[in-house]
Amino acid sequence: MHYPKKEKSVTPYLVDMKKGESMDQSIINWVFGAFNALMMFLLNLKWNAIKELQNDDKALHQKIAEVEVLVAGMYVKKSEFDASVTALFKKLDRIEDKIDKKADK
């Protein structure tokens, strides 16, 4: 028994499809592909923006740390404060003694 020869199809998976369906699927594939490319572009922009903000944040954190060290260094040390208070009390004691001498006269 001889079977009739089938024509060879360039795209065998489209044999059972109606005419025009393959074009519709191709359009859908292109649309989804373009959409995915656009989404990847936008995600890449966001990713780069986040990375840049992280780098800026690190730089600002470093500057704040430097300012904290600078401000902490500007405080009066305890030894200097004690010396100033001692000198102030000596002066006050001398003033008090002078007032007492004047009151005794």
N, C-alpha and C. Protein backbone atom coordinates (compact mmCIF):
# COMPACT_ATOMS: atom_id res chain seq x y z
N MET A 1 0.83 -1.15 0.00
CA MET A 1 0.00 0.00 0.00
C MET A 1 0.89 1.24 0.00
N HIS A 2 0.55 2.18 -0.83
CA HIS A 2 1.32 3.40 -0.97
C HIS A 2 0.53 4.55 -0.37
N TYR A 3 1.25 5.28 0.47
CA TYR A 3 0.64 6.47 1.07
C TYR A 3 1.03 7.68 0.24
N PRO A 4 0.14 8.66 0.19
CA PRO A 4 0.50 9.86 -0.56
C PRO A 4 1.60 10.63 0.17
N LYS A 5 2.46 11.23 -0.60
CA LYS A 5 3.55 11.99 -0.02
C LYS A 5 3.02 13.28 0.59
N LYS A 6 3.54 13.54 1.80
CA LYS A 6 3.20 14.82 2.46
C LYS A 6 4.19 15.87 2.01
N GLU A 7 3.69 17.06 1.90
CA GLU A 7 4.60 18.15 1.58
C GLU A 7 5.41 18.49 2.82
N LYS A 8 6.67 18.78 2.60
CA LYS A 8 7.51 19.15 3.73
C LYS A 8 7.21 20.60 4.10
N SER A 9 7.00 20.77 5.38
CA SER A 9 6.70 22.11 5.88
C SER A 9 7.96 22.71 6.47
N VAL A 10 8.12 23.99 6.28
CA VAL A 10 9.26 24.69 6.86
C VAL A 10 9.10 24.75 8.38
N THR A 11 7.90 24.96 8.83
CA THR A 11 7.62 25.01 10.26
C THR A 11 6.60 23.93 10.58
N PRO A 12 7.06 22.75 10.95
CA PRO A 12 6.14 21.63 11.14
C PRO A 12 5.18 21.84 12.30
N TYR A 13 5.53 22.62 13.28
CA TYR A 13 4.62 22.82 14.41
C TYR A 13 3.43 23.71 14.06
N LEU A 14 3.45 24.34 12.89
CA LEU A 14 2.34 25.18 12.47
C LEU A 14 1.40 24.46 11.51
N VAL A 15 1.62 23.19 11.30
CA VAL A 15 0.83 22.46 10.30
C VAL A 15 -0.64 22.46 10.65
N ASP A 16 -0.97 22.26 11.94
CA ASP A 16 -2.36 22.17 12.33
C ASP A 16 -3.01 23.53 12.57
N MET A 17 -2.25 24.60 12.51
CA MET A 17 -2.82 25.91 12.77
C MET A 17 -3.54 26.43 11.54
N LYS A 18 -4.52 27.26 11.81
CA LYS A 18 -5.23 27.91 10.72
C LYS A 18 -4.35 29.01 10.14
N LYS A 19 -4.70 29.40 8.95
CA LYS A 19 -3.93 30.45 8.31
C LYS A 19 -4.08 31.75 9.10
N GLY A 20 -2.97 32.43 9.38
CA GLY A 20 -3.00 33.70 10.11
C GLY A 20 -2.70 33.54 11.59
N GLU A 21 -2.87 32.35 12.14
CA GLU A 21 -2.61 32.16 13.57
C GLU A 21 -1.13 32.30 13.88
N SER A 22 -0.29 31.84 12.99
CA SER A 22 1.15 31.93 13.25
C SER A 22 1.59 33.39 13.29
N MET A 23 0.98 34.23 12.49
CA MET A 23 1.32 35.65 12.49
C MET A 23 0.86 36.30 13.79
N ASP A 24 -0.30 35.91 14.31
CA ASP A 24 -0.79 36.47 15.56
C ASP A 24 0.15 36.09 16.71
N GLN A 25 0.59 34.86 16.75
CA GLN A 25 1.51 34.43 17.80
C GLN A 25 2.85 35.16 17.69
N SER A 26 3.29 35.38 16.47
CA SER A 26 4.54 36.10 16.27
C SER A 26 4.43 37.53 16.77
N ILE A 27 3.31 38.17 16.51
CA ILE A 27 3.10 39.53 16.99
C ILE A 27 3.09 39.56 18.51
N ILE A 28 2.40 38.59 19.11
CA ILE A 28 2.36 38.52 20.57
C ILE A 28 3.76 38.31 21.13
N ASN A 29 4.54 37.45 20.49
CA ASN A 29 5.91 37.21 20.94
C ASN A 29 6.75 38.48 20.86
N TRP A 30 6.62 39.23 19.78
CA TRP A 30 7.36 40.48 19.63
C TRP A 30 6.93 41.52 20.66
N VAL A 31 5.63 41.60 20.90
CA VAL A 31 5.12 42.56 21.89
C VAL A 31 5.66 42.22 23.27
N PHE A 32 5.57 40.93 23.66
CA PHE A 32 6.10 40.52 24.96
C PHE A 32 7.61 40.72 25.04
N GLY A 33 8.29 40.44 23.96
CA GLY A 33 9.73 40.65 23.94
C GLY A 33 10.09 42.11 24.11
N ALA A 34 9.38 42.99 23.41
CA ALA A 34 9.63 44.43 23.54
C ALA A 34 9.29 44.91 24.95
N PHE A 35 8.19 44.39 25.49
CA PHE A 35 7.80 44.75 26.86
C PHE A 35 8.87 44.31 27.85
N ASN A 36 9.36 43.09 27.69
CA ASN A 36 10.40 42.58 28.58
C ASN A 36 11.68 43.40 28.45
N ALA A 37 12.03 43.78 27.23
CA ALA A 37 13.22 44.60 27.04
C ALA A 37 13.06 45.96 27.73
N LEU A 38 11.89 46.55 27.60
CA LEU A 38 11.61 47.83 28.26
C LEU A 38 11.68 47.68 29.78
N MET A 39 11.10 46.61 30.29
CA MET A 39 11.13 46.38 31.74
C MET A 39 12.56 46.17 32.23
N MET A 40 13.36 45.45 31.49
CA MET A 40 14.75 45.23 31.88
C MET A 40 15.53 46.55 31.86
N PHE A 41 15.25 47.39 30.87
CA PHE A 41 15.90 48.70 30.81
C PHE A 41 15.54 49.54 32.02
N LEU A 42 14.24 49.56 32.37
CA LEU A 42 13.79 50.34 33.52
C LEU A 42 14.35 49.78 34.83
N LEU A 43 14.37 48.46 34.95
CA LEU A 43 14.95 47.85 36.15
C LEU A 43 16.44 48.16 36.27
N ASN A 44 17.12 48.17 35.15
CA ASN A 44 18.55 48.51 35.16
C ASN A 44 18.75 49.95 35.61
N LEU A 45 17.89 50.86 35.14
CA LEU A 45 17.98 52.25 35.58
C LEU A 45 17.76 52.36 37.09
N LYS A 46 16.76 51.66 37.59
CA LYS A 46 16.47 51.68 39.03
C LYS A 46 17.63 51.09 39.82
N TRP A 47 18.18 49.99 39.34
CA TRP A 47 19.29 49.33 40.02
C TRP A 47 20.49 50.27 40.12
N ASN A 48 20.80 50.95 39.02
CA ASN A 48 21.93 51.89 39.02
C ASN A 48 21.66 53.06 39.95
N ALA A 49 20.41 53.55 39.96
CA ALA A 49 20.05 54.66 40.85
C ALA A 49 20.20 54.25 42.31
N ILE A 50 19.79 53.04 42.64
CA ILE A 50 19.91 52.55 44.01
C ILE A 50 21.38 52.42 44.40
N LYS A 51 22.19 51.89 43.49
CA LYS A 51 23.62 51.76 43.77
C LYS A 51 24.26 53.13 44.00
N GLU A 52 23.88 54.11 43.18
CA GLU A 52 24.42 55.46 43.34
C GLU A 52 24.00 56.06 44.68
N LEU A 53 22.73 55.85 45.07
CA LEU A 53 22.27 56.35 46.36
C LEU A 53 23.00 55.67 47.51
N GLN A 54 23.28 54.38 47.38
CA GLN A 54 24.03 53.68 48.42
C GLN A 54 25.43 54.25 48.56
N ASN A 55 26.07 54.55 47.44
CA ASN A 55 27.41 55.14 47.49
C ASN A 55 27.37 56.53 48.11
N ASP A 56 26.36 57.33 47.75
CA ASP A 56 26.22 58.65 48.35
C ASP A 56 25.96 58.55 49.85
N ASP A 57 25.16 57.56 50.24
CA ASP A 57 24.87 57.35 51.65
C ASP A 57 26.13 57.00 52.43
N LYS A 58 26.97 56.16 51.84
CA LYS A 58 28.24 55.81 52.50
C LYS A 58 29.12 57.05 52.66
N ALA A 59 29.17 57.89 51.63
CA ALA A 59 29.99 59.10 51.70
C ALA A 59 29.46 60.05 52.77
N LEU A 60 28.13 60.20 52.83
CA LEU A 60 27.55 61.07 53.87
C LEU A 60 27.79 60.51 55.26
N HIS A 61 27.69 59.20 55.39
CA HIS A 61 27.95 58.58 56.70
C HIS A 61 29.37 58.85 57.13
N GLN A 62 30.31 58.78 56.22
CA GLN A 62 31.72 59.05 56.53
C GLN A 62 31.90 60.50 56.97
N LYS A 63 31.24 61.43 56.27
CA LYS A 63 31.35 62.85 56.63
C LYS A 63 30.77 63.10 58.01
N ILE A 64 29.64 62.46 58.32
CA ILE A 64 29.02 62.63 59.64
C ILE A 64 29.94 62.09 60.73
N ALA A 65 30.56 60.96 60.47
CA ALA A 65 31.49 60.39 61.44
C ALA A 65 32.66 61.33 61.69
N GLU A 66 33.15 61.97 60.63
CA GLU A 66 34.25 62.92 60.79
C GLU A 66 33.82 64.13 61.60
N VAL A 67 32.61 64.61 61.37
CA VAL A 67 32.09 65.75 62.14
C VAL A 67 31.93 65.37 63.60
N GLU A 68 31.45 64.15 63.87
CA GLU A 68 31.29 63.71 65.26
C GLU A 68 32.64 63.70 65.97
N VAL A 69 33.67 63.23 65.32
CA VAL A 69 35.01 63.20 65.91
C VAL A 69 35.50 64.63 66.14
N LEU A 70 35.24 65.51 65.19
CA LEU A 70 35.67 66.89 65.31
C LEU A 70 34.97 67.58 66.47
N VAL A 71 33.67 67.37 66.59
CA VAL A 71 32.90 67.98 67.67
C VAL A 71 33.34 67.42 69.01
N ALA A 72 33.56 66.13 69.09
CA ALA A 72 34.00 65.52 70.34
C ALA A 72 35.37 66.06 70.76
N GLY A 73 36.20 66.41 69.84
CA GLY A 73 37.51 66.96 70.15
C GLY A 73 37.45 68.40 70.63
N MET A 74 36.33 69.09 70.39
CA MET A 74 36.19 70.49 70.77
C MET A 74 35.73 70.66 72.22
N TYR A 75 35.29 69.61 72.86
CA TYR A 75 34.85 69.72 74.25
C TYR A 75 36.05 70.02 75.15
N VAL A 76 35.75 70.67 76.26
CA VAL A 76 36.79 70.97 77.23
C VAL A 76 37.12 69.69 77.98
N LYS A 77 38.39 69.41 78.07
CA LYS A 77 38.81 68.21 78.80
C LYS A 77 38.66 68.45 80.29
N LYS A 78 38.50 67.38 81.04
CA LYS A 78 38.26 67.49 82.48
C LYS A 78 39.41 68.19 83.19
N SER A 79 40.62 67.88 82.82
CA SER A 79 41.78 68.50 83.47
C SER A 79 41.80 70.01 83.23
N GLU A 80 41.48 70.44 82.00
CA GLU A 80 41.44 71.88 81.71
C GLU A 80 40.31 72.55 82.47
N PHE A 81 39.17 71.88 82.55
CA PHE A 81 38.03 72.43 83.28
C PHE A 81 38.36 72.57 84.76
N ASP A 82 38.99 71.54 85.34
CA ASP A 82 39.36 71.60 86.75
C ASP A 82 40.34 72.74 87.02
N ALA A 83 41.31 72.91 86.11
CA ALA A 83 42.28 74.00 86.28
C ALA A 83 41.59 75.35 86.21
N SER A 84 40.65 75.51 85.32
CA SER A 84 39.92 76.78 85.19
C SER A 84 39.06 77.05 86.42
N VAL A 85 38.39 76.03 86.92
CA VAL A 85 37.54 76.20 88.10
C VAL A 85 38.39 76.53 89.32
N THR A 86 39.53 75.88 89.45
CA THR A 86 40.43 76.15 90.57
C THR A 86 40.91 77.60 90.53
N ALA A 87 41.30 78.07 89.34
CA ALA A 87 41.75 79.46 89.20
C ALA A 87 40.61 80.42 89.52
N LEU A 88 39.41 80.10 89.09
CA LEU A 88 38.25 80.95 89.35
C LEU A 88 37.96 81.03 90.84
N PHE A 89 38.02 79.91 91.53
CA PHE A 89 37.76 79.91 92.97
C PHE A 89 38.86 80.65 93.74
N LYS A 90 40.09 80.58 93.28
CA LYS A 90 41.16 81.34 93.92
C LYS A 90 40.89 82.83 93.82
N LYS A 91 40.47 83.27 92.64
CA LYS A 91 40.14 84.69 92.45
C LYS A 91 38.96 85.08 93.34
N LEU A 92 37.94 84.21 93.39
CA LEU A 92 36.79 84.52 94.24
C LEU A 92 37.19 84.58 95.71
N ASP A 93 38.09 83.69 96.14
CA ASP A 93 38.57 83.72 97.52
C ASP A 93 39.31 85.01 97.81
N ARG A 94 40.13 85.49 96.87
CA ARG A 94 40.85 86.76 97.06
C ARG A 94 39.87 87.92 97.14
N ILE A 95 38.84 87.89 96.27
CA ILE A 95 37.84 88.96 96.32
C ILE A 95 37.11 88.92 97.67
N GLU A 96 36.78 87.74 98.12
CA GLU A 96 36.09 87.60 99.41
C GLU A 96 36.96 88.12 100.56
N ASP A 97 38.27 87.79 100.51
CA ASP A 97 39.18 88.27 101.54
C ASP A 97 39.26 89.80 101.53
N LYS A 98 39.31 90.40 100.36
CA LYS A 98 39.36 91.87 100.26
C LYS A 98 38.08 92.49 100.81
N ILE A 99 36.95 91.86 100.52
CA ILE A 99 35.68 92.39 101.03
C ILE A 99 35.64 92.27 102.56
N ASP A 100 36.14 91.16 103.07
CA ASP A 100 36.17 90.96 104.52
C ASP A 100 37.08 92.01 105.19
N LYS A 101 38.24 92.32 104.58
CA LYS A 101 39.16 93.31 105.14
C LYS A 101 38.52 94.68 105.16
N LYS A 102 37.76 95.02 104.08
CA LYS A 102 37.11 96.31 104.02
C LYS A 102 35.98 96.39 105.04
N ALA A 103 35.30 95.29 105.25
CA ALA A 103 34.19 95.29 106.20
C ALA A 103 34.72 95.41 107.62
N ASP A 104 35.92 94.90 107.90
CA ASP A 104 36.50 94.97 109.24
C ASP A 104 36.95 96.38 109.60
N LYS A 105 37.23 97.23 108.68
CA LYS A 105 37.73 98.57 108.94
C LYS A 105 36.68 99.42 109.47
